[in-house]
Amino acid sequence: MAKQQIIAGTIMEFVTVEAIKQCAIAGIGLAFLPEITVRAEIEKGLLAKLNWQAAPESISTYIAWHKGKRLTENIRFFIDSALAMYGKDHVSVHPEK
């Protein structure tokens, strides 16, 4: 946002997409979220999609799990898909595969 000369007065971080959506619906700032996660809210008129010309400066994705836990087939597929799509340069996987 600095490149667009937008200065945030307060920056808040949340753990869940739902918390971020509810803040945006309540008028508490902007949110950068995947369209699929807000499609229903956009269709209902609760949120509006902005025509943002530049991508956010950085978005990090981390995948972590308990070292001693067995991963389900679906979770393993998700991790493998994320790595195949974005590569190890853009997705941090812990513990290492």
Foldseek 3Di string as FASTA:
>chain_A
DVVVVDDDPDDDDDDDPVVVLVCVLVVNDDDDDPCVVCVVCVVVVSDPDDPDPDDPPDDAAEAEDDPPDDDDPVVVVVVVVCCVVPNCVRYHYPPDD
